[in-house]
Amino acid sequence: MRVLGVLLRKELEATLTSPVGYTIIAVFLLVLGYTFSLTLVATRVANLNYIFHQIYVLAILLVPAMTMRVFAEERSTDTLELLLTSPVQEIAIVIAKFLATLALILGMIGGSVVYAAILWIYGDPDWGPIYSGYLALVLLGAFLVSIGLFMSSLTENQVVAAALTLGTSLMLWYADSVSGMLPAPFDSLALNLSLIGHFHAMATGSVFLSDIGYFVTMTLLALFLTTRRLQAR
């Protein structure tokens, strides 16, 4: 546990001192603020449903840029080999990098809480969908980060890692769209893998254990594959 704490502190320092993270957060909050203002003026409805889906899209686009350097950069500079030969378990390395990157994602999501506060001050929102929507965003962020870690562990090229992460996320996003073209049982498999299908239900206030289980299971699977990838080196 002490080793994990040291690794986590190291990764947090690297994450918080990188200008890339702050640039991405600035772009995220700027776009989100613009969207919130337009939506509130146009609809005058006290909910964050549209904002949650906007964050969903932005996360898919921005997370690849936040995770592409996690392992790829260390591969290219040969610091990963030094880290792997130290008396540290691969799972601790993966968890530390996962939590450090997820902390940045949660910071981005946390910045949007101000919009919920605005609705509370000037309106009477239904808090159920807001709570479930933020739960969906946390689970989505963890899943996307785990995908990014795995893809970054496969290559030393950061651009390739970002492209693989984005491509995988988009394929999962549109998985339900191709289900109608697939024979059984692959059509059901595509529907169950649909990222937007599991996210949309929670973002609109419907919380099912199957949706939570999807995000948790897929996140753990990606982290497991990342750990195995490091152990294979």
Protein backbone atom coordinates (compact mmCIF):
# COMPACT_ATOMS: atom_id res chain seq x y z
CA MET A 1 0.00 0.00 0.00
CA ARG A 2 2.91 2.34 0.79
CA VAL A 3 4.42 1.64 -2.63
CA LEU A 4 1.10 2.41 -4.28
CA GLY A 5 0.93 5.70 -2.38
CA VAL A 6 4.41 6.68 -3.58
CA LEU A 7 3.56 5.79 -7.17
CA LEU A 8 0.25 7.64 -6.98
CA ARG A 9 1.92 10.76 -5.63
CA LYS A 10 4.49 10.60 -8.43
CA GLU A 11 1.79 10.24 -11.09
CA LEU A 12 -0.32 13.03 -9.59
CA GLU A 13 2.67 15.37 -9.64
CA ALA A 14 3.34 14.51 -13.28
CA THR A 15 -0.33 14.99 -14.16
CA LEU A 16 -0.79 18.26 -12.31
CA THR A 17 2.41 19.80 -13.68
CA SER A 18 1.63 18.96 -17.29
CA PRO A 19 0.26 21.88 -19.34
CA VAL A 20 -1.67 19.41 -21.48
CA GLY A 21 -4.07 18.59 -18.66
CA TYR A 22 -4.82 22.23 -17.88
CA THR A 23 -5.31 23.01 -21.56
CA ILE A 24 -7.80 20.19 -21.93
CA ILE A 25 -9.68 21.27 -18.79
CA ALA A 26 -9.86 24.85 -20.08
CA VAL A 27 -11.25 23.73 -23.44
CA PHE A 28 -13.70 21.40 -21.70
CA LEU A 29 -15.09 24.06 -19.35
CA LEU A 30 -15.23 26.69 -22.11
CA VAL A 31 -17.27 24.47 -24.44
CA LEU A 32 -19.46 23.23 -21.60
CA GLY A 33 -20.19 26.74 -20.33
CA TYR A 34 -21.14 27.87 -23.82
CA THR A 35 -23.44 24.85 -24.25
CA PHE A 36 -25.06 25.32 -20.84
CA SER A 37 -25.79 28.99 -21.51
CA LEU A 38 -27.38 28.29 -24.89
CA THR A 39 -29.40 25.35 -23.58
CA LEU A 40 -30.72 27.22 -20.55
CA VAL A 41 -31.74 30.23 -22.64
CA ALA A 42 -33.34 28.11 -25.36
CA THR A 43 -35.22 25.55 -23.23
CA ARG A 44 -35.62 27.24 -19.81
CA VAL A 45 -35.80 23.73 -18.34
CA ALA A 46 -34.10 23.04 -14.99
CA ASN A 47 -32.23 19.84 -15.85
CA LEU A 48 -28.74 18.84 -16.93
CA ASN A 49 -29.66 16.06 -19.32
CA TYR A 50 -28.23 17.82 -22.37
CA ILE A 51 -25.12 18.82 -20.42
CA PHE A 52 -24.49 15.22 -19.39
CA HIS A 53 -24.59 14.09 -23.00
CA GLN A 54 -22.35 16.99 -23.99
CA ILE A 55 -19.82 15.87 -21.37
CA TYR A 56 -20.14 12.33 -22.73
CA VAL A 57 -19.10 13.48 -26.20
CA LEU A 58 -16.32 15.74 -24.91
CA ALA A 59 -14.94 12.95 -22.72
CA ILE A 60 -14.71 10.57 -25.67
CA LEU A 61 -12.84 13.22 -27.65
CA LEU A 62 -10.55 14.52 -24.89
CA VAL A 63 -9.65 11.45 -22.81
CA PRO A 64 -7.44 9.99 -25.59
CA ALA A 65 -5.28 13.12 -25.40
CA MET A 66 -5.04 12.76 -21.62
CA THR A 67 -4.07 9.07 -21.62
CA MET A 68 -1.91 8.79 -24.75
CA ARG A 69 1.32 9.66 -22.92
CA VAL A 70 0.75 7.51 -19.81
CA PHE A 71 2.73 4.50 -21.02
CA ALA A 72 3.68 5.53 -24.56
CA GLU A 73 5.90 8.38 -23.39
CA GLU A 74 7.67 6.18 -20.86
CA ARG A 75 8.22 3.57 -23.54
CA SER A 76 9.81 6.08 -25.91
CA THR A 77 12.10 7.45 -23.18
CA ASP A 78 12.93 3.98 -21.80
CA THR A 79 11.79 4.97 -18.31
CA LEU A 80 9.13 2.25 -18.38
CA GLU A 81 11.80 -0.45 -18.46
CA LEU A 82 13.43 1.10 -15.41
CA LEU A 83 10.09 1.20 -13.60
CA LEU A 84 9.27 -2.42 -14.46
CA THR A 85 12.64 -3.67 -13.24
CA SER A 86 12.16 -1.98 -9.87
CA PRO A 87 10.63 -3.94 -6.94
CA VAL A 88 7.12 -2.76 -7.81
CA GLN A 89 4.22 -4.92 -8.95
CA GLU A 90 2.76 -4.14 -12.35
CA ILE A 91 -0.75 -3.89 -10.89
CA ALA A 92 0.43 -1.07 -8.58
CA ILE A 93 1.83 0.84 -11.55
CA VAL A 94 -1.41 0.46 -13.47
CA ILE A 95 -3.63 1.46 -10.54
CA ALA A 96 -1.47 4.51 -9.76
CA LYS A 97 -1.60 5.77 -13.33
CA PHE A 98 -5.32 4.99 -13.52
CA LEU A 99 -6.20 6.88 -10.34
CA ALA A 100 -4.00 9.87 -11.22
CA THR A 101 -5.61 10.27 -14.65
CA LEU A 102 -9.08 9.62 -13.27
CA ALA A 103 -8.51 12.37 -10.68
CA LEU A 104 -8.01 14.83 -13.54
CA ILE A 105 -11.21 13.60 -15.21
CA LEU A 106 -13.15 13.94 -11.97
CA GLY A 107 -11.80 17.47 -11.63
CA MET A 108 -13.21 18.28 -15.05
CA ILE A 109 -16.57 16.75 -14.18
CA GLY A 110 -16.55 18.49 -10.80
CA GLY A 111 -16.27 21.84 -12.55
CA SER A 112 -19.73 21.28 -14.01
CA VAL A 113 -21.31 21.09 -10.54
CA VAL A 114 -21.60 24.87 -10.72
CA TYR A 115 -24.36 24.39 -13.30
CA ALA A 116 -26.33 22.24 -10.87
CA ALA A 117 -25.88 24.98 -8.27
CA ILE A 118 -27.24 27.56 -10.72
CA LEU A 119 -30.31 25.44 -11.35
CA TRP A 120 -30.80 25.02 -7.59
CA ILE A 121 -30.59 28.78 -7.00
CA TYR A 122 -32.80 29.91 -9.86
CA GLY A 123 -35.03 26.88 -10.44
CA ASP A 124 -36.46 23.71 -8.94
CA PRO A 125 -34.62 20.81 -10.58
CA ASP A 126 -35.37 17.12 -10.16
CA TRP A 127 -32.28 15.92 -8.28
CA GLY A 128 -32.74 12.22 -9.04
CA PRO A 129 -31.58 12.43 -12.70
CA ILE A 130 -28.80 14.83 -11.68
CA TYR A 131 -27.39 12.40 -9.12
CA SER A 132 -27.63 9.44 -11.49
CA GLY A 133 -26.18 11.54 -14.30
CA TYR A 134 -23.07 12.35 -12.30
CA LEU A 135 -22.74 8.69 -11.32
CA ALA A 136 -22.87 7.82 -15.02
CA LEU A 137 -20.15 10.40 -15.77
CA VAL A 138 -17.84 8.99 -13.09
CA LEU A 139 -18.30 5.45 -14.38
CA LEU A 140 -17.84 6.63 -17.97
CA GLY A 141 -14.66 8.51 -17.05
CA ALA A 142 -13.18 5.46 -15.33
CA PHE A 143 -13.99 3.26 -18.33
CA LEU A 144 -12.52 5.65 -20.89
CA VAL A 145 -9.35 6.09 -18.82
CA SER A 146 -8.91 2.32 -18.56
CA ILE A 147 -9.25 2.02 -22.34
CA GLY A 148 -6.69 4.77 -22.80
CA LEU A 149 -4.23 3.07 -20.44
CA PHE A 150 -4.50 -0.20 -22.30
CA MET A 151 -3.99 1.38 -25.70
CA SER A 152 -1.07 3.43 -24.41
CA SER A 153 0.55 0.24 -23.13
CA LEU A 154 0.50 -1.24 -26.63
CA THR A 155 2.67 1.34 -28.37
CA GLU A 156 5.37 3.92 -27.79
CA ASN A 157 3.78 6.35 -30.26
CA GLN A 158 1.46 8.75 -28.46
CA VAL A 159 -0.52 9.63 -31.59
CA VAL A 160 -1.18 5.96 -32.29
CA ALA A 161 -2.26 5.43 -28.67
CA ALA A 162 -4.70 8.36 -28.89
CA ALA A 163 -6.07 7.11 -32.22
CA LEU A 164 -6.60 3.59 -30.85
CA THR A 165 -8.37 4.93 -27.77
CA LEU A 166 -10.62 7.20 -29.80
CA GLY A 167 -11.38 4.46 -32.33
CA THR A 168 -12.28 1.93 -29.64
CA SER A 169 -14.50 4.43 -27.82
CA LEU A 170 -16.32 5.35 -31.03
CA MET A 171 -16.84 1.69 -31.95
CA LEU A 172 -18.40 1.05 -28.54
CA TRP A 173 -20.49 4.21 -28.94
CA TYR A 174 -22.01 3.02 -32.22
CA ALA A 175 -22.17 -0.68 -31.32
CA ASP A 176 -25.97 -0.60 -31.13
CA SER A 177 -26.18 0.95 -34.61
CA VAL A 178 -24.72 -2.16 -36.26
CA SER A 179 -26.71 -4.64 -34.20
CA GLY A 180 -29.51 -4.69 -36.77
CA MET A 181 -27.07 -5.88 -39.44
CA LEU A 182 -25.71 -8.78 -37.40
CA PRO A 183 -27.14 -12.28 -37.02
CA ALA A 184 -28.03 -13.76 -33.64
CA PRO A 185 -26.43 -13.89 -31.11
CA PHE A 186 -24.04 -11.17 -32.30
CA ASP A 187 -26.85 -8.62 -32.49
CA SER A 188 -27.51 -8.98 -28.75
CA LEU A 189 -23.79 -8.80 -28.06
CA ALA A 190 -23.51 -5.51 -29.95
CA LEU A 191 -26.47 -4.08 -28.05
CA ASN A 192 -24.98 -5.09 -24.71
CA LEU A 193 -21.64 -3.50 -25.64
CA SER A 194 -23.25 -0.20 -26.60
CA LEU A 195 -21.66 2.59 -24.59
CA ILE A 196 -24.38 5.16 -25.21
CA GLY A 197 -27.09 2.62 -24.38
CA HIS A 198 -25.79 2.08 -20.86
CA PHE A 199 -24.91 5.75 -20.36
CA HIS A 200 -28.18 7.24 -21.62
CA ALA A 201 -30.35 5.32 -19.19
CA MET A 202 -28.38 6.54 -16.17
CA ALA A 203 -28.04 10.10 -17.50
CA THR A 204 -31.83 10.36 -17.71
CA GLY A 205 -32.49 9.06 -14.20
CA SER A 206 -32.88 5.31 -14.68
CA VAL A 207 -30.28 3.40 -12.65
CA PHE A 208 -29.99 -0.33 -13.31
CA LEU A 209 -27.44 -2.73 -11.87
CA SER A 210 -26.81 -4.03 -15.39
CA ASP A 211 -25.60 -0.60 -16.52
CA ILE A 212 -23.37 -0.14 -13.47
CA GLY A 213 -22.08 -3.68 -13.94
CA TYR A 214 -21.23 -2.94 -17.57
CA PHE A 215 -18.99 0.00 -16.71
CA VAL A 216 -17.36 -1.70 -13.72
CA THR A 217 -16.74 -4.96 -15.58
CA MET A 218 -15.35 -3.31 -18.71
CA THR A 219 -13.11 -1.02 -16.64
CA LEU A 220 -11.68 -3.94 -14.66
CA LEU A 221 -11.19 -5.93 -17.86
CA ALA A 222 -9.22 -3.11 -19.49
CA LEU A 223 -7.07 -2.67 -16.37
CA PHE A 224 -6.46 -6.42 -16.25
CA LEU A 225 -5.36 -6.46 -19.90
CA THR A 226 -3.07 -3.50 -19.25
CA THR A 227 -1.46 -5.30 -16.32
CA ARG A 228 -0.99 -8.45 -18.39
CA ARG A 229 0.57 -6.39 -21.15
CA LEU A 230 3.13 -4.98 -18.73
CA GLN A 231 3.82 -8.41 -17.25
CA ALA A 232 4.49 -9.79 -20.75
CA ARG A 233 7.39 -7.38 -21.27
